[in-house]
Amino acid sequence: GLILSVFLAGSDTSAISLSWFFWLVSMHPNVEEKIVSEIAEILKSISLKNNRNEIHLFDVEDLRGMNYL
């Protein structure tokens, strides 16, 4: 059903993919902790570099350093 529609239909693929991602993460709280920890570490290092609190968009380099996300 749902996975087949992602690969064949092509409609709402982003919404379906995100739904699956969040469902899978919710079923594995240990993975959720690791994802949150990775994000927090990157934001902490950025905050230390910039010495201010501002919005940061993750770039490719940020994402390469993440094992769980």
C-alpha atoms as a PDB file:
ATOM      1  CA  GLY A   1       0.000   0.000   0.000  1.00  0.00           C
ATOM      2  CA  LEU A   2       1.657   3.089   1.348  1.00  0.00           C
ATOM      3  CA  ILE A   3       5.246   2.314   0.386  1.00  0.00           C
ATOM      4  CA  LEU A   4       4.158   1.196  -3.069  1.00  0.00           C
ATOM      5  CA  SER A   5       2.431   4.542  -3.626  1.00  0.00           C
ATOM      6  CA  VAL A   6       5.659   6.349  -2.681  1.00  0.00           C
ATOM      7  CA  PHE A   7       7.596   4.553  -5.396  1.00  0.00           C
ATOM      8  CA  LEU A   8       4.958   4.310  -8.110  1.00  0.00           C
ATOM      9  CA  ALA A   9       2.466   7.128  -7.771  1.00  0.00           C
ATOM     10  CA  GLY A  10       4.832   9.956  -6.906  1.00  0.00           C
ATOM     11  CA  SER A  11       2.088  11.996  -5.273  1.00  0.00           C
ATOM     12  CA  ASP A  12       2.618  13.348  -1.798  1.00  0.00           C
ATOM     13  CA  THR A  13       5.961  11.567  -1.561  1.00  0.00           C
ATOM     14  CA  SER A  14       7.430  14.140   0.793  1.00  0.00           C
ATOM     15  CA  ALA A  15       4.485  13.944   3.176  1.00  0.00           C
ATOM     16  CA  ILE A  16       4.461  10.158   3.123  1.00  0.00           C
ATOM     17  CA  SER A  17       8.229   9.953   3.597  1.00  0.00           C
ATOM     18  CA  LEU A  18       8.112  12.333   6.545  1.00  0.00           C
ATOM     19  CA  SER A  19       5.207  10.415   8.053  1.00  0.00           C
ATOM     20  CA  TRP A  20       7.203   7.184   7.843  1.00  0.00           C
ATOM     21  CA  PHE A  21      10.310   8.878   9.232  1.00  0.00           C
ATOM     22  CA  PHE A  22       8.499  10.276  12.270  1.00  0.00           C
ATOM     23  CA  TRP A  23       6.630   7.014  12.869  1.00  0.00           C
ATOM     24  CA  LEU A  24       9.856   4.996  12.757  1.00  0.00           C
ATOM     25  CA  VAL A  25      11.655   7.455  15.030  1.00  0.00           C
ATOM     26  CA  SER A  26       8.745   7.379  17.486  1.00  0.00           C
ATOM     27  CA  MET A  27       9.039   3.598  17.621  1.00  0.00           C
ATOM     28  CA  HIS A  28      12.753   3.843  18.521  1.00  0.00           C
ATOM     29  CA  PRO A  29      13.255   6.409  21.324  1.00  0.00           C
ATOM     30  CA  ASN A  30      16.969   5.606  21.565  1.00  0.00           C
ATOM     31  CA  VAL A  31      17.436   6.730  17.958  1.00  0.00           C
ATOM     32  CA  GLU A  32      15.392   9.864  18.641  1.00  0.00           C
ATOM     33  CA  GLU A  33      17.735  10.694  21.535  1.00  0.00           C
ATOM     34  CA  LYS A  34      20.761  10.306  19.281  1.00  0.00           C
ATOM     35  CA  ILE A  35      19.231  12.512  16.569  1.00  0.00           C
ATOM     36  CA  VAL A  36      18.402  15.237  19.094  1.00  0.00           C
ATOM     37  CA  SER A  37      21.899  14.940  20.574  1.00  0.00           C
ATOM     38  CA  GLU A  38      23.543  15.324  17.152  1.00  0.00           C
ATOM     39  CA  ILE A  39      21.483  18.412  16.374  1.00  0.00           C
ATOM     40  CA  ALA A  40      22.245  19.911  19.792  1.00  0.00           C
ATOM     41  CA  GLU A  41      26.001  19.378  19.312  1.00  0.00           C
ATOM     42  CA  ILE A  42      25.996  21.126  15.941  1.00  0.00           C
ATOM     43  CA  LEU A  43      23.930  24.036  17.256  1.00  0.00           C
ATOM     44  CA  LYS A  44      26.237  24.313  20.274  1.00  0.00           C
ATOM     45  CA  SER A  45      29.365  24.476  18.101  1.00  0.00           C
ATOM     46  CA  ILE A  46      27.750  27.066  15.816  1.00  0.00           C
ATOM     47  CA  SER A  47      26.674  29.125  18.814  1.00  0.00           C
ATOM     48  CA  LEU A  48      30.219  29.050  20.205  1.00  0.00           C
ATOM     49  CA  LYS A  49      31.676  30.131  16.850  1.00  0.00           C
ATOM     50  CA  ASN A  50      29.221  32.969  16.298  1.00  0.00           C
ATOM     51  CA  ASN A  51      28.899  33.904  19.972  1.00  0.00           C
ATOM     52  CA  ARG A  52      25.202  34.742  19.511  1.00  0.00           C
ATOM     53  CA  ASN A  53      21.835  33.086  19.244  1.00  0.00           C
ATOM     54  CA  GLU A  54      20.522  33.223  15.708  1.00  0.00           C
ATOM     55  CA  ILE A  55      18.664  30.983  13.307  1.00  0.00           C
ATOM     56  CA  HIS A  56      20.907  28.517  11.506  1.00  0.00           C
ATOM     57  CA  LEU A  57      20.021  26.523   8.415  1.00  0.00           C
ATOM     58  CA  PHE A  58      21.914  23.251   8.268  1.00  0.00           C
ATOM     59  CA  ASP A  59      24.206  22.944   5.293  1.00  0.00           C
ATOM     60  CA  VAL A  60      25.739  19.892   3.627  1.00  0.00           C
ATOM     61  CA  GLU A  61      28.744  19.930   5.947  1.00  0.00           C
ATOM     62  CA  ASP A  62      26.492  19.904   9.012  1.00  0.00           C
ATOM     63  CA  LEU A  63      24.532  16.960   7.647  1.00  0.00           C
ATOM     64  CA  ARG A  64      27.654  14.994   6.735  1.00  0.00           C
ATOM     65  CA  GLY A  65      28.638  14.968  10.386  1.00  0.00           C
ATOM     66  CA  MET A  66      25.347  13.396  11.445  1.00  0.00           C
ATOM     67  CA  ASN A  67      25.184   9.617  11.610  1.00  0.00           C
ATOM     68  CA  TYR A  68      21.560   9.262  12.642  1.00  0.00           C
ATOM     69  CA  LEU A  69      19.835  12.016  10.712  1.00  0.00           C
END
